Amino acid sequence: MLQVRDLRKRFGEIEAVKGVTFEVQPGTCYGLLGPNGAGKTTTISMVVGTLQPDNGVVTVLGDKVGLDGYAAKQHIGYVPQELALYEELTAVDNLRFFGALYGLEGTELAERMGEALVLTSLGDRSHEPVTRFSGGMKRRLNIAIALLHKPKLLVLDEPTVGVDPQSRNAIFESLERLRAEGMTMLYTTHYMEEVERMCQRVAVMDHGEIVAEDSIAGLQKLVPAQNTVRVELESPPERPLLLSNGVKEHYLEGNTLTLEIENLTTGLPDALDALEKQGLRFLSVESKQTSLEEVFLHLTGRTLRD
């Protein structure tokens, strides 16, 4: 569906994108993650044809994307990070205006507008000026606009940023329905749980380059193996803990004890037995696998940078 080959972009002395290459298969959701300043939005802008690359090629269904790549752009629905709406117009008027730009009119446009409003749950507010909408409603309307021409590829640049949890959930549910219907998506976000639920493959960008690309399970293997167990104690220990040899590290925060255990099969029973012998009672025991957030921090570092 989408092929990106050796994309490069420089702004003065800053090389924002350095030879980015990836591809997205039809009917899949591809996640693009990275810290602030990693080059994600610059890459997205070149993918959708609003920014000319210094080098490299982007094709959608074999058609080359560029500033004048009309054939390729017909396949793309774009939901930008910044809202692209006329707030003095109603939702319906926004849809009608953008639909006309897509070349839609008459019955076809009316049907497409109705479908988009239903998908984004905006039907009951469709005749109100957008200026009265919440941030989440505006973002849902942006998604509705991007879907009017029935694109083959939906490109979303942080579609849920800055909205309340209820609006974020509504947006997410709409996108999950689209994914279930076979929509191909390129998706950037800072919410790791969205990527874990939505995406089949993920690329992690840092300093303008893709530093890792794989399925989520494949990325999790990049972090040094560790079996982490969280034990919720009835009360905190009064004396330093004595634990079995199978526990590599342990951390205590209030009543929560976190253990890093070499072998869960043998190490966990020994560790719990050692806690009981010290008079400690535990309320719950939970083991967890490496999260995507831990992979992200492992690959890009933990130091904040803008």
Protein backbone atom coordinates (compact mmCIF):
# COMPACT_ATOMS: atom_id res chain seq x y z
CA MET A 1 0.00 0.00 0.00
CA LEU A 2 2.69 2.49 1.07
CA GLN A 3 6.39 2.38 0.23
CA VAL A 4 8.84 4.91 1.68
CA ARG A 5 12.41 4.76 0.38
CA ASP A 6 15.42 6.73 1.72
CA LEU A 7 13.51 9.89 2.72
CA ARG A 8 15.76 12.80 3.69
CA LYS A 9 14.99 16.36 4.72
CA ARG A 10 17.26 19.15 5.95
CA PHE A 11 16.29 22.51 7.44
CA GLY A 12 19.43 24.65 7.31
CA GLU A 13 22.03 22.95 9.48
CA ILE A 14 19.54 20.48 10.93
CA GLU A 15 19.03 17.16 9.16
CA ALA A 16 15.53 16.33 10.41
CA VAL A 17 15.05 13.05 8.51
CA LYS A 18 18.01 10.83 7.60
CA GLY A 19 17.26 8.09 5.10
CA VAL A 20 13.97 6.75 6.45
CA THR A 21 12.70 3.57 4.76
CA PHE A 22 9.62 1.48 5.57
CA GLU A 23 6.52 0.00 3.97
CA VAL A 24 2.92 -0.59 5.06
CA GLN A 25 0.99 -3.63 3.89
CA PRO A 26 -2.70 -3.37 2.86
CA GLY A 27 -5.20 -3.74 5.69
CA THR A 28 -2.64 -3.19 8.46
CA CYS A 29 -1.97 -0.41 10.96
CA TYR A 30 1.66 0.74 11.09
CA GLY A 31 2.82 2.74 14.11
CA LEU A 32 5.46 5.47 14.01
CA LEU A 33 6.83 6.30 17.46
CA GLY A 34 9.53 8.65 18.63
CA PRO A 35 10.30 11.38 21.17
CA ASN A 36 9.74 15.07 20.45
CA GLY A 37 12.00 16.22 17.63
CA ALA A 38 12.57 12.71 16.28
CA GLY A 39 11.34 13.67 12.79
CA LYS A 40 7.92 11.96 12.84
CA THR A 41 5.83 14.91 11.65
CA THR A 42 8.39 15.86 9.00
CA THR A 43 8.25 12.27 7.74
CA ILE A 44 4.44 12.28 7.75
CA SER A 45 4.39 15.58 5.82
CA MET A 46 6.56 14.05 3.10
CA VAL A 47 4.44 10.89 3.03
CA VAL A 48 1.23 12.85 2.36
CA GLY A 49 2.88 15.23 -0.10
CA THR A 50 2.68 18.55 1.75
CA LEU A 51 6.47 18.75 2.07
CA GLN A 52 8.99 18.03 -0.67
CA PRO A 53 11.81 15.66 0.40
CA ASP A 54 15.41 16.50 -0.42
CA ASN A 55 15.85 12.88 -1.42
CA GLY A 56 13.82 9.68 -1.55
CA VAL A 57 10.56 8.40 -2.97
CA VAL A 58 7.09 7.75 -1.51
CA THR A 59 4.51 5.70 -3.42
CA VAL A 60 0.92 4.76 -2.57
CA LEU A 61 -0.44 1.84 -4.59
CA GLY A 62 2.43 2.43 -7.01
CA ASP A 63 1.65 6.15 -7.58
CA LYS A 64 4.41 8.57 -6.62
CA VAL A 65 3.62 11.12 -3.91
CA GLY A 66 4.86 14.67 -4.36
CA LEU A 67 3.67 18.26 -4.19
CA ASP A 68 1.88 17.64 -7.50
CA GLY A 69 1.22 13.89 -7.02
CA TYR A 70 -2.54 14.13 -7.50
CA ALA A 71 -3.12 10.45 -8.34
CA ALA A 72 -1.36 9.30 -5.17
CA LYS A 73 -3.07 11.88 -2.98
CA GLN A 74 -6.48 10.61 -4.05
CA HIS A 75 -5.66 7.41 -2.15
CA ILE A 76 -4.74 9.26 1.09
CA GLY A 77 -6.90 10.52 3.95
CA TYR A 78 -4.89 12.83 6.20
CA VAL A 79 -5.68 13.71 9.83
CA PRO A 80 -3.09 16.36 10.78
CA GLN A 81 -1.83 17.06 14.27
CA GLU A 82 -3.15 20.63 14.07
CA LEU A 83 -6.91 20.95 13.54
CA ALA A 84 -7.90 21.82 9.95
CA LEU A 85 -11.46 23.15 10.23
CA TYR A 86 -13.51 26.30 9.61
CA GLU A 87 -14.84 26.88 13.09
CA GLU A 88 -17.49 29.45 12.10
CA LEU A 89 -19.14 26.81 9.88
CA THR A 90 -21.26 23.88 11.07
CA ALA A 91 -19.95 20.34 10.95
CA VAL A 92 -22.16 19.65 7.93
CA ASP A 93 -20.88 22.74 6.11
CA ASN A 94 -17.28 21.74 6.83
CA LEU A 95 -17.95 18.29 5.41
CA ARG A 96 -19.71 19.75 2.37
CA PHE A 97 -16.84 22.17 1.70
CA PHE A 98 -14.08 19.58 1.99
CA GLY A 99 -16.17 17.07 0.08
CA ALA A 100 -16.35 19.54 -2.81
CA LEU A 101 -12.55 19.80 -2.75
CA TYR A 102 -12.46 16.02 -3.15
CA GLY A 103 -14.74 16.37 -6.19
CA LEU A 104 -17.82 14.96 -4.46
CA GLU A 105 -21.32 16.35 -4.94
CA GLY A 106 -25.02 15.57 -4.85
CA THR A 107 -26.32 12.27 -3.52
CA GLU A 108 -22.87 10.72 -3.32
CA LEU A 109 -21.57 13.52 -1.10
CA ALA A 110 -24.67 13.38 1.12
CA GLU A 111 -24.25 9.64 1.63
CA ARG A 112 -20.55 9.96 2.41
CA MET A 113 -21.24 12.77 4.91
CA GLY A 114 -23.88 10.66 6.66
CA GLU A 115 -21.53 7.68 6.93
CA ALA A 116 -18.71 9.82 8.31
CA LEU A 117 -20.97 11.47 10.90
CA VAL A 118 -22.26 8.09 12.10
CA LEU A 119 -18.75 6.64 12.38
CA THR A 120 -17.54 9.60 14.45
CA SER A 121 -20.77 9.90 16.52
CA LEU A 122 -21.39 13.52 15.51
CA GLY A 123 -24.81 13.16 13.91
CA ASP A 124 -26.76 14.87 16.70
CA ARG A 125 -24.45 17.95 16.67
CA SER A 126 -23.86 18.17 12.93
CA HIS A 127 -25.78 21.45 12.41
CA GLU A 128 -24.00 23.37 15.18
CA PRO A 129 -21.06 25.75 14.54
CA VAL A 130 -17.77 24.00 15.15
CA THR A 131 -16.73 26.81 17.48
CA ARG A 132 -19.11 25.26 20.07
CA PHE A 133 -17.44 21.85 19.82
CA SER A 134 -15.08 20.41 22.41
CA GLY A 135 -11.51 19.57 21.41
CA GLY A 136 -12.43 15.90 21.11
CA MET A 137 -15.41 16.64 18.85
CA LYS A 138 -13.22 18.77 16.58
CA ARG A 139 -10.71 15.95 16.27
CA ARG A 140 -13.50 13.51 15.41
CA LEU A 141 -14.72 15.91 12.73
CA ASN A 142 -11.19 16.06 11.30
CA ILE A 143 -11.28 12.26 11.01
CA ALA A 144 -14.72 12.41 9.35
CA ILE A 145 -13.37 14.86 6.75
CA ALA A 146 -10.39 12.61 6.01
CA LEU A 147 -12.75 9.69 5.29
CA LEU A 148 -15.15 11.43 2.89
CA HIS A 149 -13.44 10.29 -0.31
CA LYS A 150 -13.03 6.69 0.95
CA PRO A 151 -9.23 6.71 1.00
CA LYS A 152 -7.17 3.53 0.76
CA LEU A 153 -4.63 4.85 3.29
CA LEU A 154 -5.50 6.85 6.42
CA VAL A 155 -2.58 8.85 7.85
CA LEU A 156 -3.08 10.03 11.44
CA ASP A 157 -0.61 12.35 13.16
CA GLU A 158 -1.34 12.09 16.91
CA PRO A 159 -5.15 12.06 16.48
CA THR A 160 -5.98 11.90 20.21
CA VAL A 161 -3.50 14.41 21.63
CA GLY A 162 -4.86 16.96 24.08
CA VAL A 163 -8.37 15.55 24.51
CA ASP A 164 -10.16 14.24 27.59
CA PRO A 165 -10.34 10.48 28.28
CA GLN A 166 -13.96 10.12 27.08
CA SER A 167 -13.26 11.87 23.76
CA ARG A 168 -10.06 9.91 23.34
CA ASN A 169 -11.95 6.68 23.84
CA ALA A 170 -14.60 7.72 21.28
CA ILE A 171 -11.90 8.51 18.70
CA PHE A 172 -10.16 5.25 19.46
CA GLU A 173 -13.36 3.24 19.03
CA SER A 174 -13.96 4.85 15.62
CA LEU A 175 -10.45 3.97 14.51
CA GLU A 176 -10.81 0.40 15.75
CA ARG A 177 -13.97 0.03 13.66
CA LEU A 178 -12.08 1.28 10.60
CA ARG A 179 -9.25 -1.14 11.27
CA ALA A 180 -11.72 -4.02 11.60
CA GLU A 181 -13.16 -3.03 8.19
CA GLY A 182 -9.70 -3.35 6.62
CA MET A 183 -8.55 0.27 6.47
CA THR A 184 -4.78 0.68 6.06
CA MET A 185 -3.36 3.19 8.56
CA LEU A 186 -0.13 5.01 9.30
CA TYR A 187 -0.41 6.11 12.92
CA THR A 188 1.73 8.31 15.15
CA THR A 189 0.96 8.80 18.83
CA HIS A 190 2.55 9.21 22.25
CA TYR A 191 0.04 6.82 23.84
CA MET A 192 1.76 3.43 23.98
CA GLU A 193 -1.43 1.53 24.79
CA GLU A 194 -2.99 2.77 21.53
CA VAL A 195 -0.09 1.39 19.52
CA GLU A 196 -0.20 -1.91 21.42
CA ARG A 197 -3.89 -2.31 20.57
CA MET A 198 -3.92 -0.88 17.03
CA CYS A 199 -0.66 -1.64 15.26
CA GLN A 200 0.69 -4.81 13.65
CA ARG A 201 4.14 -3.29 13.06
CA VAL A 202 5.92 -0.40 14.72
CA ALA A 203 8.92 1.74 13.76
CA VAL A 204 10.74 3.69 16.48
CA MET A 205 12.31 6.93 15.23
CA ASP A 206 15.05 8.87 16.97
CA HIS A 207 17.27 11.69 15.68
CA GLY A 208 15.65 11.46 12.24
CA GLU A 209 16.31 7.75 11.77
CA ILE A 210 14.40 4.51 12.32
CA VAL A 211 16.32 2.79 15.12
CA ALA A 212 14.10 -0.31 15.25
CA GLU A 213 11.18 -1.79 13.33
CA ASP A 214 9.25 -4.97 14.08
CA SER A 215 6.05 -6.38 15.50
CA ILE A 216 5.41 -5.38 19.11
CA ALA A 217 6.47 -8.86 20.25
CA GLY A 218 9.68 -8.51 18.23
CA LEU A 219 10.44 -5.10 19.74
CA GLN A 220 9.90 -6.43 23.26
CA LYS A 221 12.71 -8.91 22.68
CA LEU A 222 15.16 -6.01 22.21
CA VAL A 223 15.06 -5.22 25.91
CA PRO A 224 17.37 -7.40 28.02
CA ALA A 225 15.29 -10.30 29.30
CA GLN A 226 13.87 -9.89 32.77
CA ASN A 227 11.05 -11.52 34.68
CA THR A 228 9.39 -8.84 36.77
CA VAL A 229 6.97 -9.73 39.56
CA ARG A 230 4.99 -7.22 41.61
CA VAL A 231 3.91 -8.33 45.10
CA GLU A 232 1.34 -6.29 47.03
CA LEU A 233 2.09 -6.77 50.74
CA GLU A 234 -0.48 -6.48 53.53
CA SER A 235 1.90 -4.15 55.37
CA PRO A 236 5.45 -2.93 54.69
CA PRO A 237 8.33 -4.92 56.21
CA GLU A 238 9.81 -3.63 59.44
CA ARG A 239 13.29 -5.09 58.74
CA PRO A 240 15.49 -5.41 55.62
CA LEU A 241 14.26 -8.23 53.41
CA LEU A 242 16.10 -11.51 53.02
CA LEU A 243 15.29 -13.05 49.64
CA SER A 244 16.29 -16.21 47.81
CA ASN A 245 19.26 -16.42 45.42
CA GLY A 246 16.95 -16.44 42.39
CA VAL A 247 15.99 -12.78 42.96
CA LYS A 248 18.40 -10.53 41.05
CA GLU A 249 17.00 -7.18 42.24
CA HIS A 250 14.17 -5.96 44.45
CA TYR A 251 12.54 -2.54 44.96
CA LEU A 252 10.11 -1.54 47.70
CA GLU A 253 7.66 1.37 47.36
CA GLY A 254 5.22 1.51 50.26
CA ASN A 255 3.46 -1.86 50.31
CA THR A 256 4.49 -2.77 46.76
CA LEU A 257 7.51 -5.03 46.33
CA THR A 258 8.95 -5.44 42.82
CA LEU A 259 11.19 -8.45 42.17
CA GLU A 260 13.39 -9.26 39.20
CA ILE A 261 13.66 -13.03 39.08
CA GLU A 262 15.94 -15.13 36.87
CA ASN A 263 13.62 -18.12 36.51
CA LEU A 264 9.94 -17.75 37.35
CA THR A 265 9.33 -21.51 37.60
CA THR A 266 11.76 -22.03 40.47
CA GLY A 267 12.55 -18.50 41.65
CA LEU A 268 9.02 -17.23 42.33
CA PRO A 269 7.96 -20.02 44.75
CA ASP A 270 11.28 -19.63 46.61
CA ALA A 271 10.84 -15.84 46.84
CA LEU A 272 7.27 -16.09 48.16
CA ASP A 273 8.33 -18.76 50.64
CA ALA A 274 11.10 -16.43 51.91
CA LEU A 275 8.57 -13.62 52.40
CA GLU A 276 6.25 -15.90 54.39
CA LYS A 277 9.10 -17.06 56.64
CA GLN A 278 9.74 -13.40 57.50
CA GLY A 279 6.14 -13.03 58.64
CA LEU A 280 4.97 -11.06 55.59
CA ARG A 281 1.55 -11.62 54.08
CA PHE A 282 0.87 -10.72 50.45
CA LEU A 283 -2.45 -9.64 48.98
CA SER A 284 -1.65 -10.15 45.29
CA VAL A 285 1.12 -11.36 43.01
CA GLU A 286 1.42 -10.15 39.41
CA SER A 287 4.03 -10.91 36.76
CA LYS A 288 4.38 -8.68 33.70
CA GLN A 289 6.11 -8.75 30.33
CA THR A 290 8.19 -5.93 28.92
CA SER A 291 5.94 -3.02 27.93
CA LEU A 292 6.22 -1.00 24.74
CA GLU A 293 7.02 2.02 26.90
CA GLU A 294 10.04 0.20 28.33
CA VAL A 295 11.15 -0.70 24.79
CA PHE A 296 10.73 2.94 23.74
CA LEU A 297 12.82 4.24 26.64
CA HIS A 298 15.45 1.53 26.08
CA LEU A 299 15.84 2.56 22.42
CA THR A 300 15.60 6.36 22.74
CA GLY A 301 16.94 7.00 26.24
CA ARG A 302 15.20 8.32 29.34
CA THR A 303 16.50 11.89 29.24
CA LEU A 304 13.90 14.49 28.23
CA ARG A 305 14.82 16.52 25.18
CA ASP A 306 12.86 18.94 22.96
